[in-house]
């Protein structure tokens, strides 16, 4: 008998479109979503139906002139303290990176001191500076150039500027230093090969690239500073918390007035968060790293899509 060679069996491939794709199930994800939604709904219901919140009083004082003045003072303090912290913090960071041992030591001491003492202690110290120096004066021999009372210079507003601004600089210096160190060392070598000195290389090559790392924590500090200004209520600075405190000390409606302050803080931090998003997006141009789409970004994309559909 003649044996026939066994032919290999060819696997039959299914036709495209004939496969039924079954998506992967995530039952626990839906369970977690339901639990979170339930908790949020219960929390909202509690806020709405609890009589103690007195939403009628909240609406009455939300745009009270005293509260609005406190909001404006809070914004001014935030802006001034951030300018002080950013300028001085950048200088401290450059001193930390300097090859000069004296500058490096001074920068380290500054950060050690201001990061080691609470911001509230620093505010109280500046506010009570007159107990150490009753006057601020300058003399040349027996001639007095100027002499002013310390309390007339170090007002509660100025004490807040110094306390929070100097405190922020100690932390902001680390943001700048981390951003500069994140830039590849070859960038500095390339700048030096083109004849750029260290200062010019930092200003035109290194710091622009470091901004992508510096901007996110800076935005976080701006939002934090907006809330840290509430510490100034202890020394009588008329910011938002102090303003609502003055009102509820008269009418004893503590919780509704605190809700007024909370709503204003939430509004301002939301606006700052939106601004931070767009600034980060601008400085992240040219990078290949793709971030997860945040809820804020998704909402903005949906708004833009809706706006374009009506044109």
C-alpha atoms as a PDB file:
ATOM      1  CA  UNK A   1       0.000   0.000   0.000  1.00  0.00           C
ATOM      2  CA  UNK A   2       1.160   3.430  -0.810  1.00  0.00           C
ATOM      3  CA  UNK A   3       1.138   5.724   2.222  1.00  0.00           C
ATOM      4  CA  UNK A   4      -0.005   9.241   1.618  1.00  0.00           C
ATOM      5  CA  UNK A   5       1.873  12.113   3.256  1.00  0.00           C
ATOM      6  CA  UNK A   6      -0.094  13.788   5.950  1.00  0.00           C
ATOM      7  CA  UNK A   7      -0.946  17.342   4.924  1.00  0.00           C
ATOM      8  CA  UNK A   8      -0.730  20.013   7.644  1.00  0.00           C
ATOM      9  CA  UNK A   9      -4.093  21.366   8.674  1.00  0.00           C
ATOM     10  CA  UNK A  10      -4.482  25.062   7.895  1.00  0.00           C
ATOM     11  CA  UNK A  11      -6.227  27.147  10.535  1.00  0.00           C
ATOM     12  CA  UNK A  12      -9.269  28.869   9.164  1.00  0.00           C
ATOM     13  CA  UNK A  13      -9.277  32.575  10.065  1.00  0.00           C
ATOM     14  CA  UNK A  14     -12.676  34.087  10.801  1.00  0.00           C
ATOM     15  CA  UNK A  15     -13.893  36.762   8.463  1.00  0.00           C
ATOM     16  CA  UNK A  16     -13.447  40.353   9.621  1.00  0.00           C
ATOM     17  CA  UNK A  17     -16.513  41.634  11.451  1.00  0.00           C
ATOM     18  CA  UNK A  18     -17.721  38.146  12.372  1.00  0.00           C
ATOM     19  CA  UNK A  19     -16.123  38.304  15.846  1.00  0.00           C
ATOM     20  CA  UNK A  20     -18.267  39.421  18.735  1.00  0.00           C
ATOM     21  CA  UNK A  21     -16.054  41.539  21.044  1.00  0.00           C
ATOM     22  CA  UNK A  22     -17.065  41.396  24.686  1.00  0.00           C
ATOM     23  CA  UNK A  23     -15.917  44.430  26.710  1.00  0.00           C
ATOM     24  CA  UNK A  24     -14.141  43.809  29.963  1.00  0.00           C
ATOM     25  CA  UNK A  25     -16.501  44.156  32.882  1.00  0.00           C
ATOM     26  CA  UNK A  26     -15.721  46.391  35.858  1.00  0.00           C
ATOM     27  CA  UNK A  27     -18.453  45.631  38.403  1.00  0.00           C
ATOM     28  CA  UNK A  28     -16.544  46.956  41.412  1.00  0.00           C
ATOM     29  CA  UNK A  29     -15.881  50.223  39.624  1.00  0.00           C
ATOM     30  CA  UNK A  30     -19.618  50.737  39.266  1.00  0.00           C
ATOM     31  CA  UNK A  31     -20.183  49.770  42.897  1.00  0.00           C
ATOM     32  CA  UNK A  32     -17.595  52.323  44.027  1.00  0.00           C
ATOM     33  CA  UNK A  33     -19.168  54.968  41.784  1.00  0.00           C
ATOM     34  CA  UNK A  34     -22.599  54.287  43.251  1.00  0.00           C
ATOM     35  CA  UNK A  35     -21.276  54.540  46.814  1.00  0.00           C
ATOM     36  CA  UNK A  36     -19.484  57.823  46.123  1.00  0.00           C
ATOM     37  CA  UNK A  37     -22.571  59.240  44.367  1.00  0.00           C
ATOM     38  CA  UNK A  38     -24.711  58.251  47.357  1.00  0.00           C
ATOM     39  CA  UNK A  39     -22.333  59.906  49.818  1.00  0.00           C
ATOM     40  CA  UNK A  40     -22.235  63.108  47.715  1.00  0.00           C
ATOM     41  CA  UNK A  41     -26.048  63.155  47.473  1.00  0.00           C
ATOM     42  CA  UNK A  42     -26.396  62.711  51.235  1.00  0.00           C
ATOM     43  CA  UNK A  43     -23.878  65.482  51.843  1.00  0.00           C
ATOM     44  CA  UNK A  44     -25.714  67.892  49.531  1.00  0.00           C
ATOM     45  CA  UNK A  45     -29.024  67.008  51.154  1.00  0.00           C
ATOM     46  CA  UNK A  46     -27.520  67.668  54.579  1.00  0.00           C
ATOM     47  CA  UNK A  47     -26.293  71.090  53.445  1.00  0.00           C
ATOM     48  CA  UNK A  48     -29.670  72.018  52.008  1.00  0.00           C
ATOM     49  CA  UNK A  49     -32.089  70.834  54.703  1.00  0.00           C
ATOM     50  CA  UNK A  50     -30.085  71.662  57.853  1.00  0.00           C
ATOM     51  CA  UNK A  51     -31.660  74.814  59.358  1.00  0.00           C
ATOM     52  CA  UNK A  52     -28.456  75.836  61.144  1.00  0.00           C
ATOM     53  CA  UNK A  53     -26.709  76.821  57.911  1.00  0.00           C
ATOM     54  CA  UNK A  54     -29.239  79.648  57.430  1.00  0.00           C
ATOM     55  CA  UNK A  55     -28.849  80.028  53.673  1.00  0.00           C
ATOM     56  CA  UNK A  56     -31.020  83.152  53.771  1.00  0.00           C
ATOM     57  CA  UNK A  57     -28.395  84.817  55.966  1.00  0.00           C
ATOM     58  CA  UNK A  58     -25.624  83.554  53.663  1.00  0.00           C
ATOM     59  CA  UNK A  59     -27.340  85.196  50.700  1.00  0.00           C
ATOM     60  CA  UNK A  60     -27.828  88.404  52.663  1.00  0.00           C
ATOM     61  CA  UNK A  61     -24.149  88.820  53.601  1.00  0.00           C
ATOM     62  CA  UNK A  62     -22.513  87.266  50.543  1.00  0.00           C
ATOM     63  CA  UNK A  63     -22.086  90.674  48.861  1.00  0.00           C
ATOM     64  CA  UNK A  64     -21.989  92.792  51.994  1.00  0.00           C
ATOM     65  CA  UNK A  65     -19.571  95.764  51.562  1.00  0.00           C
ATOM     66  CA  UNK A  66     -17.502  94.629  54.545  1.00  0.00           C
ATOM     67  CA  UNK A  67     -17.146  91.148  53.055  1.00  0.00           C
ATOM     68  CA  UNK A  68     -16.267  92.540  49.606  1.00  0.00           C
ATOM     69  CA  UNK A  69     -13.565  94.756  51.158  1.00  0.00           C
ATOM     70  CA  UNK A  70     -12.170  91.669  52.871  1.00  0.00           C
ATOM     71  CA  UNK A  71     -12.133  89.769  49.572  1.00  0.00           C
ATOM     72  CA  UNK A  72     -10.227  92.608  47.862  1.00  0.00           C
ATOM     73  CA  UNK A  73      -7.737  92.812  50.740  1.00  0.00           C
ATOM     74  CA  UNK A  74      -7.206  89.035  50.527  1.00  0.00           C
ATOM     75  CA  UNK A  75      -6.479  89.283  46.801  1.00  0.00           C
ATOM     76  CA  UNK A  76      -4.065  92.189  47.299  1.00  0.00           C
ATOM     77  CA  UNK A  77      -2.221  90.342  50.057  1.00  0.00           C
ATOM     78  CA  UNK A  78      -2.008  87.200  47.938  1.00  0.00           C
ATOM     79  CA  UNK A  79      -0.547  89.080  44.970  1.00  0.00           C
ATOM     80  CA  UNK A  80       1.987  91.084  47.012  1.00  0.00           C
ATOM     81  CA  UNK A  81       3.123  88.097  49.094  1.00  0.00           C
ATOM     82  CA  UNK A  82       3.549  85.990  45.950  1.00  0.00           C
ATOM     83  CA  UNK A  83       5.700  88.702  44.308  1.00  0.00           C
ATOM     84  CA  UNK A  84       7.892  88.907  47.426  1.00  0.00           C
ATOM     85  CA  UNK A  85       8.147  85.120  47.670  1.00  0.00           C
ATOM     86  CA  UNK A  86       8.872  84.549  43.958  1.00  0.00           C
ATOM     87  CA  UNK A  87      11.522  87.282  43.632  1.00  0.00           C
ATOM     88  CA  UNK A  88      13.280  86.502  46.907  1.00  0.00           C
ATOM     89  CA  UNK A  89      12.860  82.735  46.497  1.00  0.00           C
ATOM     90  CA  UNK A  90      14.461  82.808  43.046  1.00  0.00           C
ATOM     91  CA  UNK A  91      17.383  84.767  44.481  1.00  0.00           C
ATOM     92  CA  UNK A  92      17.758  82.268  47.341  1.00  0.00           C
ATOM     93  CA  UNK A  93      17.696  79.355  44.867  1.00  0.00           C
ATOM     94  CA  UNK A  94      20.457  80.919  42.766  1.00  0.00           C
ATOM     95  CA  UNK A  95      22.480  81.471  45.929  1.00  0.00           C
ATOM     96  CA  UNK A  96      22.001  77.790  46.827  1.00  0.00           C
ATOM     97  CA  UNK A  97      23.365  76.818  43.403  1.00  0.00           C
ATOM     98  CA  UNK A  98      26.238  79.292  43.595  1.00  0.00           C
ATOM     99  CA  UNK A  99      29.836  78.098  43.933  1.00  0.00           C
ATOM    100  CA  UNK A 100      30.424  80.904  46.450  1.00  0.00           C
ATOM    101  CA  UNK A 101      30.442  79.229  49.903  1.00  0.00           C
ATOM    102  CA  UNK A 102      29.288  82.419  51.686  1.00  0.00           C
ATOM    103  CA  UNK A 103      26.235  82.883  49.453  1.00  0.00           C
ATOM    104  CA  UNK A 104      25.431  79.191  49.779  1.00  0.00           C
ATOM    105  CA  UNK A 105      25.675  79.337  53.576  1.00  0.00           C
ATOM    106  CA  UNK A 106      23.448  82.428  53.811  1.00  0.00           C
ATOM    107  CA  UNK A 107      20.812  80.811  51.589  1.00  0.00           C
ATOM    108  CA  UNK A 108      20.872  77.614  53.647  1.00  0.00           C
ATOM    109  CA  UNK A 109      20.521  79.574  56.878  1.00  0.00           C
ATOM    110  CA  UNK A 110      17.574  81.558  55.489  1.00  0.00           C
ATOM    111  CA  UNK A 111      15.726  78.389  54.497  1.00  0.00           C
ATOM    112  CA  UNK A 112      16.576  76.687  57.775  1.00  0.00           C
ATOM    113  CA  UNK A 113      15.181  79.563  59.822  1.00  0.00           C
ATOM    114  CA  UNK A 114      12.025  80.433  57.890  1.00  0.00           C
ATOM    115  CA  UNK A 115      11.025  76.828  57.204  1.00  0.00           C
ATOM    116  CA  UNK A 116      11.681  75.924  60.824  1.00  0.00           C
ATOM    117  CA  UNK A 117       9.333  78.489  62.379  1.00  0.00           C
ATOM    118  CA  UNK A 118       5.544  78.581  61.847  1.00  0.00           C
ATOM    119  CA  UNK A 119       4.127  81.303  59.629  1.00  0.00           C
ATOM    120  CA  UNK A 120       1.771  82.411  62.407  1.00  0.00           C
ATOM    121  CA  UNK A 121       4.726  82.961  64.764  1.00  0.00           C
ATOM    122  CA  UNK A 122       6.423  85.081  62.102  1.00  0.00           C
ATOM    123  CA  UNK A 123       3.275  87.177  61.624  1.00  0.00           C
ATOM    124  CA  UNK A 124       3.017  87.867  65.366  1.00  0.00           C
ATOM    125  CA  UNK A 125       6.741  88.676  65.513  1.00  0.00           C
ATOM    126  CA  UNK A 126       6.563  91.306  62.778  1.00  0.00           C
ATOM    127  CA  UNK A 127       3.387  92.774  64.259  1.00  0.00           C
ATOM    128  CA  UNK A 128       5.119  93.209  67.631  1.00  0.00           C
ATOM    129  CA  UNK A 129       8.441  94.443  66.256  1.00  0.00           C
ATOM    130  CA  UNK A 130       7.915  97.792  68.013  1.00  0.00           C
ATOM    131  CA  UNK A 131       8.502  96.091  71.361  1.00  0.00           C
ATOM    132  CA  UNK A 132      12.137  95.603  70.280  1.00  0.00           C
ATOM    133  CA  UNK A 133      12.615  98.643  68.055  1.00  0.00           C
ATOM    134  CA  UNK A 134      10.232 101.450  69.084  1.00  0.00           C
ATOM    135  CA  UNK A 135      11.517 103.603  66.231  1.00  0.00           C
ATOM    136  CA  UNK A 136      13.116 103.001  62.843  1.00  0.00           C
ATOM    137  CA  UNK A 137      15.839 105.556  62.266  1.00  0.00           C
ATOM    138  CA  UNK A 138      19.084 106.215  60.444  1.00  0.00           C
ATOM    139  CA  UNK A 139      21.968 108.300  61.802  1.00  0.00           C
ATOM    140  CA  UNK A 140      25.247 109.668  60.476  1.00  0.00           C
ATOM    141  CA  UNK A 141      27.243 110.718  63.490  1.00  0.00           C
ATOM    142  CA  UNK A 142      25.029 113.047  65.490  1.00  0.00           C
ATOM    143  CA  UNK A 143      22.826 113.817  62.504  1.00  0.00           C
ATOM    144  CA  UNK A 144      19.513 111.958  62.290  1.00  0.00           C
ATOM    145  CA  UNK A 145      18.525 111.315  58.691  1.00  0.00           C
ATOM    146  CA  UNK A 146      15.054 110.056  59.564  1.00  0.00           C
ATOM    147  CA  UNK A 147      13.194 108.592  62.509  1.00  0.00           C
ATOM    148  CA  UNK A 148       9.688 107.128  62.448  1.00  0.00           C
ATOM    149  CA  UNK A 149       7.659 105.075  64.867  1.00  0.00           C
ATOM    150  CA  UNK A 150       7.750 101.366  64.124  1.00  0.00           C
ATOM    151  CA  UNK A 151       4.001 100.976  64.567  1.00  0.00           C
ATOM    152  CA  UNK A 152       3.364 103.594  61.881  1.00  0.00           C
ATOM    153  CA  UNK A 153       5.469 101.578  59.405  1.00  0.00           C
ATOM    154  CA  UNK A 154       4.753  97.976  60.412  1.00  0.00           C
ATOM    155  CA  UNK A 155       0.972  98.075  60.138  1.00  0.00           C
ATOM    156  CA  UNK A 156      -1.018  94.804  60.250  1.00  0.00           C
ATOM    157  CA  UNK A 157      -1.045  94.795  56.434  1.00  0.00           C
ATOM    158  CA  UNK A 158       2.750  95.248  56.220  1.00  0.00           C
ATOM    159  CA  UNK A 159       3.323  92.654  58.956  1.00  0.00           C
ATOM    160  CA  UNK A 160       1.270  90.176  56.910  1.00  0.00           C
ATOM    161  CA  UNK A 161       3.267  90.969  53.768  1.00  0.00           C
ATOM    162  CA  UNK A 162       6.573  90.393  55.550  1.00  0.00           C
ATOM    163  CA  UNK A 163       5.484  87.313  57.485  1.00  0.00           C
ATOM    164  CA  UNK A 164       3.890  85.424  54.606  1.00  0.00           C
ATOM    165  CA  UNK A 165       6.155  86.723  51.820  1.00  0.00           C
ATOM    166  CA  UNK A 166       9.426  85.895  53.580  1.00  0.00           C
ATOM    167  CA  UNK A 167       8.056  82.519  54.663  1.00  0.00           C
ATOM    168  CA  UNK A 168       7.022  81.662  51.097  1.00  0.00           C
ATOM    169  CA  UNK A 169      10.451  82.580  49.720  1.00  0.00           C
ATOM    170  CA  UNK A 170      12.075  79.814  51.774  1.00  0.00           C
ATOM    171  CA  UNK A 171       9.810  77.203  50.154  1.00  0.00           C
ATOM    172  CA  UNK A 172       9.705  78.710  46.686  1.00  0.00           C
ATOM    173  CA  UNK A 173      13.511  78.578  46.506  1.00  0.00           C
ATOM    174  CA  UNK A 174      13.255  74.778  46.456  1.00  0.00           C
ATOM    175  CA  UNK A 175      10.802  74.892  43.540  1.00  0.00           C
ATOM    176  CA  UNK A 176      13.197  76.998  41.492  1.00  0.00           C
ATOM    177  CA  UNK A 177      16.224  74.914  42.465  1.00  0.00           C
ATOM    178  CA  UNK A 178      14.416  71.677  41.542  1.00  0.00           C
ATOM    179  CA  UNK A 179      13.352  73.173  38.215  1.00  0.00           C
ATOM    180  CA  UNK A 180      16.869  74.277  37.348  1.00  0.00           C
ATOM    181  CA  UNK A 181      18.346  70.907  38.315  1.00  0.00           C
ATOM    182  CA  UNK A 182      15.736  69.136  36.167  1.00  0.00           C
ATOM    183  CA  UNK A 183      17.224  70.688  33.018  1.00  0.00           C
ATOM    184  CA  UNK A 184      19.826  68.451  31.406  1.00  0.00           C
ATOM    185  CA  UNK A 185      23.385  69.532  32.182  1.00  0.00           C
ATOM    186  CA  UNK A 186      24.159  69.397  28.481  1.00  0.00           C
ATOM    187  CA  UNK A 187      22.076  72.546  28.051  1.00  0.00           C
ATOM    188  CA  UNK A 188      24.509  74.473  30.242  1.00  0.00           C
ATOM    189  CA  UNK A 189      27.458  73.009  28.354  1.00  0.00           C
ATOM    190  CA  UNK A 190      25.886  73.951  25.026  1.00  0.00           C
ATOM    191  CA  UNK A 191      25.269  77.499  26.248  1.00  0.00           C
ATOM    192  CA  UNK A 192      28.876  77.754  27.419  1.00  0.00           C
ATOM    193  CA  UNK A 193      30.101  76.504  24.035  1.00  0.00           C
ATOM    194  CA  UNK A 194      28.289  79.448  22.425  1.00  0.00           C
ATOM    195  CA  UNK A 195      30.143  81.836  24.709  1.00  0.00           C
ATOM    196  CA  UNK A 196      27.244  82.604  27.066  1.00  0.00           C
ATOM    197  CA  UNK A 197      28.197  83.404  30.634  1.00  0.00           C
ATOM    198  CA  UNK A 198      26.430  81.721  33.542  1.00  0.00           C
ATOM    199  CA  UNK A 199      23.929  84.534  34.129  1.00  0.00           C
ATOM    200  CA  UNK A 200      22.926  84.781  30.474  1.00  0.00           C
ATOM    201  CA  UNK A 201      22.668  81.005  30.165  1.00  0.00           C
ATOM    202  CA  UNK A 202      20.357  80.853  33.186  1.00  0.00           C
ATOM    203  CA  UNK A 203      18.149  83.666  31.898  1.00  0.00           C
ATOM    204  CA  UNK A 204      17.857  82.580  28.272  1.00  0.00           C
ATOM    205  CA  UNK A 205      18.387  78.799  28.266  1.00  0.00           C
ATOM    206  CA  UNK A 206      17.998  77.119  31.655  1.00  0.00           C
ATOM    207  CA  UNK A 207      15.151  78.934  33.421  1.00  0.00           C
ATOM    208  CA  UNK A 208      12.784  78.946  30.378  1.00  0.00           C
ATOM    209  CA  UNK A 209      13.100  75.154  30.242  1.00  0.00           C
ATOM    210  CA  UNK A 210      12.787  74.845  34.019  1.00  0.00           C
ATOM    211  CA  UNK A 211       9.472  76.710  34.031  1.00  0.00           C
ATOM    212  CA  UNK A 212       7.608  73.537  33.045  1.00  0.00           C
ATOM    213  CA  UNK A 213       8.657  72.059  36.404  1.00  0.00           C
ATOM    214  CA  UNK A 214       8.327  75.293  38.407  1.00  0.00           C
ATOM    215  CA  UNK A 215       4.836  76.338  37.301  1.00  0.00           C
ATOM    216  CA  UNK A 216       2.708  73.505  38.862  1.00  0.00           C
ATOM    217  CA  UNK A 217       3.983  73.946  42.458  1.00  0.00           C
ATOM    218  CA  UNK A 218       3.877  77.727  41.996  1.00  0.00           C
ATOM    219  CA  UNK A 219       0.192  77.538  41.110  1.00  0.00           C
ATOM    220  CA  UNK A 220      -0.344  75.360  44.143  1.00  0.00           C
ATOM    221  CA  UNK A 221       1.403  77.946  46.335  1.00  0.00           C
ATOM    222  CA  UNK A 222      -0.746  80.770  44.938  1.00  0.00           C
ATOM    223  CA  UNK A 223      -3.865  78.873  45.991  1.00  0.00           C
ATOM    224  CA  UNK A 224      -2.258  78.065  49.323  1.00  0.00           C
ATOM    225  CA  UNK A 225      -1.263  81.697  49.872  1.00  0.00           C
ATOM    226  CA  UNK A 226      -4.841  82.800  49.240  1.00  0.00           C
ATOM    227  CA  UNK A 227      -5.890  80.645  52.185  1.00  0.00           C
ATOM    228  CA  UNK A 228      -2.848  81.408  54.350  1.00  0.00           C
ATOM    229  CA  UNK A 229      -3.888  85.061  54.401  1.00  0.00           C
ATOM    230  CA  UNK A 230      -6.609  83.987  56.837  1.00  0.00           C
ATOM    231  CA  UNK A 231      -3.846  83.727  59.458  1.00  0.00           C
ATOM    232  CA  UNK A 232      -3.622  87.504  59.315  1.00  0.00           C
ATOM    233  CA  UNK A 233      -6.956  87.758  61.112  1.00  0.00           C
ATOM    234  CA  UNK A 234      -5.022  87.057  64.323  1.00  0.00           C
ATOM    235  CA  UNK A 235      -3.194  90.405  64.055  1.00  0.00           C
ATOM    236  CA  UNK A 236      -6.227  92.359  62.846  1.00  0.00           C
ATOM    237  CA  UNK A 237      -5.538  92.571  59.114  1.00  0.00           C
ATOM    238  CA  UNK A 238      -8.941  93.258  57.478  1.00  0.00           C
ATOM    239  CA  UNK A 239      -8.884  90.289  55.104  1.00  0.00           C
ATOM    240  CA  UNK A 240     -11.846  88.019  54.362  1.00  0.00           C
ATOM    241  CA  UNK A 241     -11.889  85.918  57.543  1.00  0.00           C
ATOM    242  CA  UNK A 242     -11.391  88.982  59.745  1.00  0.00           C
ATOM    243  CA  UNK A 243     -14.232  90.757  57.934  1.00  0.00           C
ATOM    244  CA  UNK A 244     -16.755  87.973  58.556  1.00  0.00           C
ATOM    245  CA  UNK A 245     -15.479  87.669  62.133  1.00  0.00           C
ATOM    246  CA  UNK A 246     -16.311  91.327  62.745  1.00  0.00           C
ATOM    247  CA  UNK A 247     -19.849  90.706  61.465  1.00  0.00           C
ATOM    248  CA  UNK A 248     -20.582  87.524  63.420  1.00  0.00           C
ATOM    249  CA  UNK A 249     -19.205  89.089  66.599  1.00  0.00           C
ATOM    250  CA  UNK A 250     -22.115  91.543  66.282  1.00  0.00           C
ATOM    251  CA  UNK A 251     -24.949  89.215  65.256  1.00  0.00           C
ATOM    252  CA  UNK A 252     -23.614  85.856  66.605  1.00  0.00           C
ATOM    253  CA  UNK A 253     -24.456  84.082  63.310  1.00  0.00           C
ATOM    254  CA  UNK A 254     -21.139  82.263  63.232  1.00  0.00           C
ATOM    255  CA  UNK A 255     -21.847  79.331  60.898  1.00  0.00           C
ATOM    256  CA  UNK A 256     -23.659  81.311  58.169  1.00  0.00           C
ATOM    257  CA  UNK A 257     -20.867  83.897  58.076  1.00  0.00           C
ATOM    258  CA  UNK A 258     -18.225  81.176  57.907  1.00  0.00           C
ATOM    259  CA  UNK A 259     -20.171  79.711  54.980  1.00  0.00           C
ATOM    260  CA  UNK A 260     -19.969  83.132  53.297  1.00  0.00           C
ATOM    261  CA  UNK A 261     -16.187  83.118  53.710  1.00  0.00           C
ATOM    262  CA  UNK A 262     -15.965  79.527  52.472  1.00  0.00           C
ATOM    263  CA  UNK A 263     -17.977  80.307  49.331  1.00  0.00           C
ATOM    264  CA  UNK A 264     -15.699  83.224  48.503  1.00  0.00           C
ATOM    265  CA  UNK A 265     -12.559  81.139  49.109  1.00  0.00           C
ATOM    266  CA  UNK A 266     -13.945  78.369  46.890  1.00  0.00           C
ATOM    267  CA  UNK A 267     -14.765  80.858  44.140  1.00  0.00           C
ATOM    268  CA  UNK A 268     -11.325  82.456  44.187  1.00  0.00           C
ATOM    269  CA  UNK A 269      -9.444  79.165  44.318  1.00  0.00           C
ATOM    270  CA  UNK A 270     -11.528  77.842  41.406  1.00  0.00           C
ATOM    271  CA  UNK A 271     -10.619  80.862  39.271  1.00  0.00           C
ATOM    272  CA  UNK A 272      -6.946  80.469  40.199  1.00  0.00           C
ATOM    273  CA  UNK A 273      -7.064  76.756  39.343  1.00  0.00           C
ATOM    274  CA  UNK A 274      -8.419  77.553  35.875  1.00  0.00           C
ATOM    275  CA  UNK A 275      -5.644  80.100  35.345  1.00  0.00           C
ATOM    276  CA  UNK A 276      -3.056  77.569  36.511  1.00  0.00           C
ATOM    277  CA  UNK A 277      -4.337  75.037  33.989  1.00  0.00           C
ATOM    278  CA  UNK A 278      -3.879  77.389  31.034  1.00  0.00           C
ATOM    279  CA  UNK A 279      -0.429  78.543  32.198  1.00  0.00           C
ATOM    280  CA  UNK A 280       0.721  74.935  32.610  1.00  0.00           C
ATOM    281  CA  UNK A 281      -0.638  74.096  29.164  1.00  0.00           C
ATOM    282  CA  UNK A 282       1.346  76.948  27.617  1.00  0.00           C
ATOM    283  CA  UNK A 283       4.661  76.001  29.233  1.00  0.00           C
ATOM    284  CA  UNK A 284       4.113  72.294  28.449  1.00  0.00           C
ATOM    285  CA  UNK A 285       4.137  72.939  24.699  1.00  0.00           C
ATOM    286  CA  UNK A 286       6.636  70.802  22.817  1.00  0.00           C
ATOM    287  CA  UNK A 287       6.678  67.981  25.360  1.00  0.00           C
ATOM    288  CA  UNK A 288       5.758  64.444  24.374  1.00  0.00           C
ATOM    289  CA  UNK A 289       4.364  63.420  27.731  1.00  0.00           C
ATOM    290  CA  UNK A 290       0.588  62.999  27.688  1.00  0.00           C
ATOM    291  CA  UNK A 291      -1.223  63.703  30.926  1.00  0.00           C
ATOM    292  CA  UNK A 292      -4.555  62.284  31.978  1.00  0.00           C
ATOM    293  CA  UNK A 293      -7.387  64.592  31.073  1.00  0.00           C
ATOM    294  CA  UNK A 294      -8.618  66.286  34.244  1.00  0.00           C
ATOM    295  CA  UNK A 295     -12.250  66.991  35.017  1.00  0.00           C
ATOM    296  CA  UNK A 296     -11.592  70.700  34.562  1.00  0.00           C
ATOM    297  CA  UNK A 297     -10.063  70.155  31.148  1.00  0.00           C
ATOM    298  CA  UNK A 298     -12.906  67.853  30.099  1.00  0.00           C
ATOM    299  CA  UNK A 299     -15.468  70.456  31.161  1.00  0.00           C
ATOM    300  CA  UNK A 300     -13.656  73.194  29.257  1.00  0.00           C
ATOM    301  CA  UNK A 301     -13.452  71.015  26.130  1.00  0.00           C
ATOM    302  CA  UNK A 302     -17.171  70.309  26.364  1.00  0.00           C
ATOM    303  CA  UNK A 303     -17.958  74.029  26.690  1.00  0.00           C
ATOM    304  CA  UNK A 304     -15.813  74.848  23.662  1.00  0.00           C
ATOM    305  CA  UNK A 305     -17.430  72.055  21.663  1.00  0.00           C
ATOM    306  CA  UNK A 306     -20.894  73.324  22.518  1.00  0.00           C
ATOM    307  CA  UNK A 307     -19.889  76.873  21.644  1.00  0.00           C
ATOM    308  CA  UNK A 308     -18.551  75.833  18.245  1.00  0.00           C
ATOM    309  CA  UNK A 309     -21.726  73.875  17.488  1.00  0.00           C
ATOM    310  CA  UNK A 310     -23.862  77.018  17.830  1.00  0.00           C
ATOM    311  CA  UNK A 311     -21.794  79.008  15.352  1.00  0.00           C
END
